[in-house]
């Protein structure tokens, strides 16, 4: 697909590429001079902790945890459960 820049070095992407106005796009310039546009979904800084490899592994492990869920209604309940599970992996 051949595109031509305007006087401000802008290009117009056809609607068939699936990028809508306001979408965030990462621009990479490869070593050989090619330009790659990558659609991205920005993550707010206060949520970056969830995207670390440790957090992803913890979430994955929790999804296969066979222990039954429990409702915690008081700090005392939480302490009892924490004491019981403190030695588990």
PDB file of N, CA and C in Angstrom:
ATOM      1  N   UNK A   1       0.842  -1.163   0.000  1.00  0.00           N
ATOM      2  CA  UNK A   1       0.000   0.000   0.000  1.00  0.00           C
ATOM      3  C   UNK A   1       0.893   1.233   0.000  1.00  0.00           C
ATOM      4  N   UNK A   2       0.696   2.075  -0.941  1.00  0.00           N
ATOM      5  CA  UNK A   2       1.494   3.285  -1.067  1.00  0.00           C
ATOM      6  C   UNK A   2       0.729   4.460  -0.476  1.00  0.00           C
ATOM      7  N   UNK A   3       1.335   5.155   0.472  1.00  0.00           N
ATOM      8  CA  UNK A   3       0.743   6.336   1.091  1.00  0.00           C
ATOM      9  C   UNK A   3       1.671   7.511   0.868  1.00  0.00           C
ATOM     10  N   UNK A   4       1.103   8.697   0.822  1.00  0.00           N
ATOM     11  CA  UNK A   4       1.923   9.887   0.624  1.00  0.00           C
ATOM     12  C   UNK A   4       1.695  10.839   1.785  1.00  0.00           C
ATOM     13  N   UNK A   5       2.767  11.433   2.286  1.00  0.00           N
ATOM     14  CA  UNK A   5       2.643  12.376   3.391  1.00  0.00           C
ATOM     15  C   UNK A   5       2.122  13.707   2.876  1.00  0.00           C
ATOM     16  N   UNK A   6       1.465  14.449   3.785  1.00  0.00           N
ATOM     17  CA  UNK A   6       1.045  15.797   3.413  1.00  0.00           C
ATOM     18  C   UNK A   6       2.144  16.777   3.814  1.00  0.00           C
ATOM     19  N   UNK A   7       1.862  18.071   3.785  1.00  0.00           N
ATOM     20  CA  UNK A   7       2.890  19.076   4.065  1.00  0.00           C
ATOM     21  C   UNK A   7       3.380  19.044   5.511  1.00  0.00           C
ATOM     22  N   UNK A   8       2.586  18.418   6.390  1.00  0.00           N
ATOM     23  CA  UNK A   8       2.988  18.305   7.801  1.00  0.00           C
ATOM     24  C   UNK A   8       3.519  16.916   8.123  1.00  0.00           C
ATOM     25  N   UNK A   9       3.892  16.133   7.121  1.00  0.00           N
ATOM     26  CA  UNK A   9       4.439  14.770   7.242  1.00  0.00           C
ATOM     27  C   UNK A   9       3.428  13.794   7.836  1.00  0.00           C
ATOM     28  N   UNK A  10       2.142  14.042   7.660  1.00  0.00           N
ATOM     29  CA  UNK A  10       1.099  13.139   8.151  1.00  0.00           C
ATOM     30  C   UNK A  10       0.675  12.201   7.033  1.00  0.00           C
ATOM     31  N   UNK A  11       0.172  11.039   7.442  1.00  0.00           N
ATOM     32  CA  UNK A  11      -0.419  10.105   6.490  1.00  0.00           C
ATOM     33  C   UNK A  11      -1.825   9.772   6.967  1.00  0.00           C
ATOM     34  N   UNK A  12      -2.664   9.331   6.055  1.00  0.00           N
ATOM     35  CA  UNK A  12      -4.011   8.888   6.407  1.00  0.00           C
ATOM     36  C   UNK A  12      -4.064   7.388   6.213  1.00  0.00           C
ATOM     37  N   UNK A  13      -4.404   6.673   7.295  1.00  0.00           N
ATOM     38  CA  UNK A  13      -4.511   5.227   7.219  1.00  0.00           C
ATOM     39  C   UNK A  13      -5.920   4.850   6.771  1.00  0.00           C
ATOM     40  N   UNK A  14      -6.039   3.879   5.896  1.00  0.00           N
ATOM     41  CA  UNK A  14      -7.380   3.462   5.476  1.00  0.00           C
ATOM     42  C   UNK A  14      -8.138   2.823   6.643  1.00  0.00           C
ATOM     43  N   UNK A  15      -9.455   2.930   6.608  1.00  0.00           N
ATOM     44  CA  UNK A  15     -10.275   2.397   7.705  1.00  0.00           C
ATOM     45  C   UNK A  15     -10.161   0.882   7.826  1.00  0.00           C
ATOM     46  N   UNK A  16      -9.707   0.223   6.792  1.00  0.00           N
ATOM     47  CA  UNK A  16      -9.607  -1.241   6.820  1.00  0.00           C
ATOM     48  C   UNK A  16      -8.527  -1.751   7.764  1.00  0.00           C
ATOM     49  N   UNK A  17      -7.604  -0.888   8.214  1.00  0.00           N
ATOM     50  CA  UNK A  17      -6.554  -1.344   9.135  1.00  0.00           C
ATOM     51  C   UNK A  17      -7.059  -1.438  10.571  1.00  0.00           C
ATOM     52  N   UNK A  18      -8.253  -0.919  10.852  1.00  0.00           N
ATOM     53  CA  UNK A  18      -8.851  -1.075  12.173  1.00  0.00           C
ATOM     54  C   UNK A  18      -8.405  -0.076  13.210  1.00  0.00           C
ATOM     55  N   UNK A  19      -7.678   0.944  12.839  1.00  0.00           N
ATOM     56  CA  UNK A  19      -7.255   1.972  13.787  1.00  0.00           C
ATOM     57  C   UNK A  19      -8.241   3.118  13.698  1.00  0.00           C
ATOM     58  N   UNK A  20      -8.779   3.514  14.869  1.00  0.00           N
ATOM     59  CA  UNK A  20      -9.799   4.556  14.916  1.00  0.00           C
ATOM     60  C   UNK A  20      -9.181   5.859  15.421  1.00  0.00           C
ATOM     61  N   UNK A  21      -9.815   6.990  15.145  1.00  0.00           N
ATOM     62  CA  UNK A  21      -9.321   8.264  15.690  1.00  0.00           C
ATOM     63  C   UNK A  21      -9.207   8.202  17.206  1.00  0.00           C
ATOM     64  N   UNK A  22      -8.094   8.651  17.735  1.00  0.00           N
ATOM     65  CA  UNK A  22      -7.853   8.647  19.173  1.00  0.00           C
ATOM     66  C   UNK A  22      -7.148   7.412  19.688  1.00  0.00           C
ATOM     67  N   UNK A  23      -6.995   6.365  18.870  1.00  0.00           N
ATOM     68  CA  UNK A  23      -6.273   5.166  19.300  1.00  0.00           C
ATOM     69  C   UNK A  23      -4.799   5.503  19.539  1.00  0.00           C
ATOM     70  N   UNK A  24      -4.195   4.863  20.536  1.00  0.00           N
ATOM     71  CA  UNK A  24      -2.766   5.045  20.818  1.00  0.00           C
ATOM     72  C   UNK A  24      -1.967   4.090  19.939  1.00  0.00           C
ATOM     73  N   UNK A  25      -0.882   4.615  19.377  1.00  0.00           N
ATOM     74  CA  UNK A  25      -0.051   3.819  18.471  1.00  0.00           C
ATOM     75  C   UNK A  25       1.411   4.029  18.841  1.00  0.00           C
ATOM     76  N   UNK A  26       2.147   2.930  18.935  1.00  0.00           N
ATOM     77  CA  UNK A  26       3.588   2.981  19.157  1.00  0.00           C
ATOM     78  C   UNK A  26       4.262   2.966  17.789  1.00  0.00           C
ATOM     79  N   UNK A  27       5.216   3.847  17.593  1.00  0.00           N
ATOM     80  CA  UNK A  27       5.943   3.918  16.331  1.00  0.00           C
ATOM     81  C   UNK A  27       7.358   3.403  16.556  1.00  0.00           C
ATOM     82  N   UNK A  28       7.739   2.403  15.793  1.00  0.00           N
ATOM     83  CA  UNK A  28       9.105   1.860  15.877  1.00  0.00           C
ATOM     84  C   UNK A  28       9.799   2.065  14.545  1.00  0.00           C
ATOM     85  N   UNK A  29      11.024   2.540  14.611  1.00  0.00           N
ATOM     86  CA  UNK A  29      11.845   2.647  13.406  1.00  0.00           C
ATOM     87  C   UNK A  29      12.865   1.529  13.480  1.00  0.00           C
ATOM     88  N   UNK A  30      12.771   0.594  12.561  1.00  0.00           N
ATOM     89  CA  UNK A  30      13.639  -0.576  12.559  1.00  0.00           C
ATOM     90  C   UNK A  30      15.018  -0.210  12.027  1.00  0.00           C
ATOM     91  N   UNK A  31      15.994  -1.076  12.297  1.00  0.00           N
ATOM     92  CA  UNK A  31      17.375  -0.816  11.881  1.00  0.00           C
ATOM     93  C   UNK A  31      17.512  -0.593  10.383  1.00  0.00           C
ATOM     94  N   UNK A  32      16.659  -1.259   9.599  1.00  0.00           N
ATOM     95  CA  UNK A  32      16.764  -1.118   8.149  1.00  0.00           C
ATOM     96  C   UNK A  32      15.972   0.073   7.609  1.00  0.00           C
ATOM     97  N   UNK A  33      15.424   0.927   8.514  1.00  0.00           N
ATOM     98  CA  UNK A  33      14.728   2.133   8.090  1.00  0.00           C
ATOM     99  C   UNK A  33      13.218   1.979   7.964  1.00  0.00           C
ATOM    100  N   UNK A  34      12.714   0.753   8.054  1.00  0.00           N
ATOM    101  CA  UNK A  34      11.269   0.571   7.976  1.00  0.00           C
ATOM    102  C   UNK A  34      10.610   1.131   9.230  1.00  0.00           C
ATOM    103  N   UNK A  35       9.379   1.568   9.076  1.00  0.00           N
ATOM    104  CA  UNK A  35       8.610   2.125  10.184  1.00  0.00           C
ATOM    105  C   UNK A  35       7.471   1.164  10.493  1.00  0.00           C
ATOM    106  N   UNK A  36       7.335   0.834  11.782  1.00  0.00           N
ATOM    107  CA  UNK A  36       6.285  -0.086  12.196  1.00  0.00           C
ATOM    108  C   UNK A  36       5.344   0.658  13.145  1.00  0.00           C
ATOM    109  N   UNK A  37       4.041   0.609  12.860  1.00  0.00           N
ATOM    110  CA  UNK A  37       3.033   1.195  13.728  1.00  0.00           C
ATOM    111  C   UNK A  37       2.346   0.065  14.485  1.00  0.00           C
ATOM    112  N   UNK A  38       2.339   0.156  15.823  1.00  0.00           N
ATOM    113  CA  UNK A  38       1.798  -0.911  16.648  1.00  0.00           C
ATOM    114  C   UNK A  38       0.697  -0.331  17.538  1.00  0.00           C
ATOM    115  N   UNK A  39      -0.567  -0.761  17.351  1.00  0.00           N
ATOM    116  CA  UNK A  39      -1.627  -0.291  18.248  1.00  0.00           C
ATOM    117  C   UNK A  39      -1.349  -0.757  19.676  1.00  0.00           C
ATOM    118  N   UNK A  40      -1.514   0.138  20.640  1.00  0.00           N
ATOM    119  CA  UNK A  40      -1.268  -0.192  22.045  1.00  0.00           C
ATOM    120  C   UNK A  40      -2.443   0.275  22.899  1.00  0.00           C
ATOM    121  N   UNK A  41      -2.542  -0.291  24.072  1.00  0.00           N
ATOM    122  CA  UNK A  41      -3.523   0.129  25.062  1.00  0.00           C
ATOM    123  C   UNK A  41      -2.743   0.656  26.253  1.00  0.00           C
ATOM    124  N   UNK A  42      -2.703   1.966  26.451  1.00  0.00           N
ATOM    125  CA  UNK A  42      -1.915   2.525  27.557  1.00  0.00           C
ATOM    126  C   UNK A  42      -2.441   2.049  28.913  1.00  0.00           C
ATOM    127  N   UNK A  43      -1.523   1.838  29.856  1.00  0.00           N
ATOM    128  CA  UNK A  43      -1.874   1.403  31.205  1.00  0.00           C
ATOM    129  C   UNK A  43      -1.542   2.565  32.153  1.00  0.00           C
ATOM    130  N   UNK A  44      -2.503   2.987  32.988  1.00  0.00           N
ATOM    131  CA  UNK A  44      -2.208   4.046  33.955  1.00  0.00           C
ATOM    132  C   UNK A  44      -1.071   3.623  34.892  1.00  0.00           C
ATOM    133  N   UNK A  45      -0.238   4.576  35.295  1.00  0.00           N
ATOM    134  CA  UNK A  45       0.922   4.263  36.136  1.00  0.00           C
ATOM    135  C   UNK A  45       0.547   3.537  37.416  1.00  0.00           C
ATOM    136  N   UNK A  46      -0.589   3.887  38.008  1.00  0.00           N
ATOM    137  CA  UNK A  46      -0.960   3.251  39.277  1.00  0.00           C
ATOM    138  C   UNK A  46      -1.384   1.792  39.083  1.00  0.00           C
ATOM    139  N   UNK A  47      -1.508   1.333  37.835  1.00  0.00           N
ATOM    140  CA  UNK A  47      -1.862  -0.061  37.575  1.00  0.00           C
ATOM    141  C   UNK A  47      -0.690  -0.864  37.001  1.00  0.00           C
ATOM    142  N   UNK A  48       0.476  -0.257  36.876  1.00  0.00           N
ATOM    143  CA  UNK A  48       1.632  -0.955  36.296  1.00  0.00           C
ATOM    144  C   UNK A  48       2.077  -2.160  37.117  1.00  0.00           C
ATOM    145  N   UNK A  49       1.828  -2.137  38.430  1.00  0.00           N
ATOM    146  CA  UNK A  49       2.227  -3.273  39.270  1.00  0.00           C
ATOM    147  C   UNK A  49       1.613  -4.566  38.754  1.00  0.00           C
ATOM    148  N   UNK A  50       0.424  -4.496  38.176  1.00  0.00           N
ATOM    149  CA  UNK A  50      -0.271  -5.705  37.720  1.00  0.00           C
ATOM    150  C   UNK A  50       0.361  -6.293  36.471  1.00  0.00           C
ATOM    151  N   UNK A  51       1.233  -5.550  35.828  1.00  0.00           N
ATOM    152  CA  UNK A  51       1.822  -6.017  34.569  1.00  0.00           C
ATOM    153  C   UNK A  51       3.233  -6.552  34.753  1.00  0.00           C
ATOM    154  N   UNK A  52       3.699  -6.680  35.997  1.00  0.00           N
ATOM    155  CA  UNK A  52       5.019  -7.278  36.225  1.00  0.00           C
ATOM    156  C   UNK A  52       4.911  -8.787  36.062  1.00  0.00           C
ATOM    157  N   UNK A  53       6.015  -9.442  35.773  1.00  0.00           N
ATOM    158  CA  UNK A  53       5.981 -10.895  35.583  1.00  0.00           C
ATOM    159  C   UNK A  53       5.585 -11.606  36.878  1.00  0.00           C
ATOM    160  N   UNK A  54       5.998 -11.074  38.035  1.00  0.00           N
ATOM    161  CA  UNK A  54       5.612 -11.685  39.317  1.00  0.00           C
ATOM    162  C   UNK A  54       4.100 -11.639  39.513  1.00  0.00           C
ATOM    163  N   UNK A  55       3.491 -10.497  39.212  1.00  0.00           N
ATOM    164  CA  UNK A  55       2.047 -10.362  39.384  1.00  0.00           C
ATOM    165  C   UNK A  55       1.303 -11.278  38.415  1.00  0.00           C
ATOM    166  N   UNK A  56       1.781 -11.377  37.191  1.00  0.00           N
ATOM    167  CA  UNK A  56       1.134 -12.255  36.210  1.00  0.00           C
ATOM    168  C   UNK A  56       1.215 -13.714  36.654  1.00  0.00           C
ATOM    169  N   UNK A  57       2.362 -14.124  37.205  1.00  0.00           N
ATOM    170  CA  UNK A  57       2.508 -15.497  37.690  1.00  0.00           C
ATOM    171  C   UNK A  57       1.586 -15.758  38.877  1.00  0.00           C
ATOM    172  N   UNK A  58       1.458 -14.779  39.771  1.00  0.00           N
ATOM    173  CA  UNK A  58       0.582 -14.941  40.936  1.00  0.00           C
ATOM    174  C   UNK A  58      -0.874 -15.082  40.502  1.00  0.00           C
ATOM    175  N   UNK A  59      -1.283 -14.301  39.521  1.00  0.00           N
ATOM    176  CA  UNK A  59      -2.662 -14.401  39.026  1.00  0.00           C
ATOM    177  C   UNK A  59      -2.875 -15.758  38.371  1.00  0.00           C
ATOM    178  N   UNK A  60      -1.926 -16.189  37.550  1.00  0.00           N
ATOM    179  CA  UNK A  60      -2.052 -17.494  36.897  1.00  0.00           C
ATOM    180  C   UNK A  60      -2.138 -18.615  37.928  1.00  0.00           C
ATOM    181  N   UNK A  61      -1.305 -18.536  38.962  1.00  0.00           N
ATOM    182  CA  UNK A  61      -1.319 -19.565  40.002  1.00  0.00           C
ATOM    183  C   UNK A  61      -2.647 -19.552  40.760  1.00  0.00           C
ATOM    184  N   UNK A  62      -3.202 -18.371  40.987  1.00  0.00           N
ATOM    185  CA  UNK A  62      -4.460 -18.296  41.731  1.00  0.00           C
ATOM    186  C   UNK A  62      -5.617 -18.889  40.946  1.00  0.00           C
ATOM    187  N   UNK A  63      -5.525 -18.867  39.633  1.00  0.00           N
ATOM    188  CA  UNK A  63      -6.607 -19.415  38.814  1.00  0.00           C
ATOM    189  C   UNK A  63      -6.669 -20.936  38.864  1.00  0.00           C
ATOM    190  N   UNK A  64      -5.558 -21.570  39.207  1.00  0.00           N
ATOM    191  CA  UNK A  64      -5.542 -23.034  39.292  1.00  0.00           C
ATOM    192  C   UNK A  64      -5.518 -23.527  40.742  1.00  0.00           C
ATOM    193  N   UNK A  65      -5.671 -22.607  41.690  1.00  0.00           N
ATOM    194  CA  UNK A  65      -5.685 -22.965  43.113  1.00  0.00           C
ATOM    195  C   UNK A  65      -6.949 -23.768  43.412  1.00  0.00           C
ATOM    196  N   UNK A  66      -6.777 -24.957  43.972  1.00  0.00           N
ATOM    197  CA  UNK A  66      -7.914 -25.846  44.229  1.00  0.00           C
ATOM    198  C   UNK A  66      -8.564 -25.621  45.591  1.00  0.00           C
ATOM    199  N   UNK A  67      -7.976 -24.762  46.410  1.00  0.00           N
ATOM    200  CA  UNK A  67      -8.576 -24.502  47.719  1.00  0.00           C
ATOM    201  C   UNK A  67      -9.924 -23.801  47.545  1.00  0.00           C
ATOM    202  N   UNK A  68     -10.911 -24.118  48.374  1.00  0.00           N
ATOM    203  CA  UNK A  68     -12.217 -23.458  48.243  1.00  0.00           C
ATOM    204  C   UNK A  68     -12.144 -21.998  48.678  1.00  0.00           C
ATOM    205  N   UNK A  69     -12.969 -21.179  48.072  1.00  0.00           N
ATOM    206  CA  UNK A  69     -13.046 -19.767  48.449  1.00  0.00           C
ATOM    207  C   UNK A  69     -13.713 -19.632  49.805  1.00  0.00           C
ATOM    208  N   UNK A  70     -13.343 -18.585  50.543  1.00  0.00           N
ATOM    209  CA  UNK A  70     -13.943 -18.337  51.846  1.00  0.00           C
ATOM    210  C   UNK A  70     -14.311 -16.867  51.956  1.00  0.00           C
ATOM    211  N   UNK A  71     -15.386 -16.578  52.652  1.00  0.00           N
ATOM    212  CA  UNK A  71     -15.802 -15.204  52.897  1.00  0.00           C
ATOM    213  C   UNK A  71     -15.175 -14.763  54.218  1.00  0.00           C
ATOM    214  N   UNK A  72     -14.480 -13.650  54.183  1.00  0.00           N
ATOM    215  CA  UNK A  72     -13.823 -13.099  55.367  1.00  0.00           C
ATOM    216  C   UNK A  72     -14.671 -11.923  55.844  1.00  0.00           C
ATOM    217  N   UNK A  73     -15.215 -12.035  57.036  1.00  0.00           N
ATOM    218  CA  UNK A  73     -16.105 -10.989  57.535  1.00  0.00           C
ATOM    219  C   UNK A  73     -15.499 -10.163  58.663  1.00  0.00           C
ATOM    220  N   UNK A  74     -14.370 -10.601  59.198  1.00  0.00           N
ATOM    221  CA  UNK A  74     -13.764  -9.839  60.295  1.00  0.00           C
ATOM    222  C   UNK A  74     -12.245 -10.001  60.254  1.00  0.00           C
ATOM    223  N   UNK A  75     -11.583  -9.137  60.972  1.00  0.00           N
ATOM    224  CA  UNK A  75     -10.124  -9.215  61.071  1.00  0.00           C
ATOM    225  C   UNK A  75      -9.715 -10.514  61.759  1.00  0.00           C
ATOM    226  N   UNK A  76     -10.539 -10.979  62.696  1.00  0.00           N
ATOM    227  CA  UNK A  76     -10.253 -12.235  63.394  1.00  0.00           C
ATOM    228  C   UNK A  76     -10.280 -13.415  62.414  1.00  0.00           C
ATOM    229  N   UNK A  77     -11.292 -13.429  61.530  1.00  0.00           N
ATOM    230  CA  UNK A  77     -11.366 -14.478  60.505  1.00  0.00           C
ATOM    231  C   UNK A  77     -10.125 -14.449  59.616  1.00  0.00           C
ATOM    232  N   UNK A  78      -9.712 -13.247  59.238  1.00  0.00           N
ATOM    233  CA  UNK A  78      -8.544 -13.102  58.363  1.00  0.00           C
ATOM    234  C   UNK A  78      -7.289 -13.622  59.059  1.00  0.00           C
ATOM    235  N   UNK A  79      -7.139 -13.323  60.342  1.00  0.00           N
ATOM    236  CA  UNK A  79      -5.963 -13.788  61.085  1.00  0.00           C
ATOM    237  C   UNK A  79      -5.929 -15.311  61.179  1.00  0.00           C
ATOM    238  N   UNK A  80      -7.081 -15.927  61.422  1.00  0.00           N
ATOM    239  CA  UNK A  80      -7.135 -17.383  61.517  1.00  0.00           C
ATOM    240  C   UNK A  80      -6.732 -18.048  60.188  1.00  0.00           C
ATOM    241  N   UNK A  81      -7.256 -17.517  59.106  1.00  0.00           N
ATOM    242  CA  UNK A  81      -6.934 -18.081  57.800  1.00  0.00           C
ATOM    243  C   UNK A  81      -5.482 -17.855  57.434  1.00  0.00           C
ATOM    244  N   UNK A  82      -4.981 -16.660  57.735  1.00  0.00           N
ATOM    245  CA  UNK A  82      -3.578 -16.356  57.441  1.00  0.00           C
ATOM    246  C   UNK A  82      -2.652 -17.292  58.216  1.00  0.00           C
ATOM    247  N   UNK A  83      -2.990 -17.548  59.479  1.00  0.00           N
ATOM    248  CA  UNK A  83      -2.170 -18.442  60.294  1.00  0.00           C
ATOM    249  C   UNK A  83      -2.196 -19.860  59.727  1.00  0.00           C
ATOM    250  N   UNK A  84      -3.364 -20.272  59.247  1.00  0.00           N
ATOM    251  CA  UNK A  84      -3.487 -21.623  58.711  1.00  0.00           C
ATOM    252  C   UNK A  84      -2.717 -21.782  57.393  1.00  0.00           C
ATOM    253  N   UNK A  85      -2.748 -20.739  56.571  1.00  0.00           N
ATOM    254  CA  UNK A  85      -2.108 -20.847  55.239  1.00  0.00           C
ATOM    255  C   UNK A  85      -0.670 -20.340  55.201  1.00  0.00           C
ATOM    256  N   UNK A  86      -0.175 -19.806  56.295  1.00  0.00           N
ATOM    257  CA  UNK A  86       1.149 -19.169  56.264  1.00  0.00           C
ATOM    258  C   UNK A  86       2.259 -20.134  55.868  1.00  0.00           C
ATOM    259  N   UNK A  87       2.093 -21.407  56.142  1.00  0.00           N
ATOM    260  CA  UNK A  87       3.137 -22.353  55.802  1.00  0.00           C
ATOM    261  C   UNK A  87       2.966 -22.997  54.433  1.00  0.00           C
ATOM    262  N   UNK A  88       1.883 -22.665  53.730  1.00  0.00           N
ATOM    263  CA  UNK A  88       1.632 -23.278  52.411  1.00  0.00           C
ATOM    264  C   UNK A  88       2.326 -22.510  51.308  1.00  0.00           C
ATOM    265  N   UNK A  89       2.589 -23.202  50.211  1.00  0.00           N
ATOM    266  CA  UNK A  89       3.214 -22.556  49.037  1.00  0.00           C
ATOM    267  C   UNK A  89       2.174 -21.927  48.175  1.00  0.00           C
TER     268      UNK A  89
END
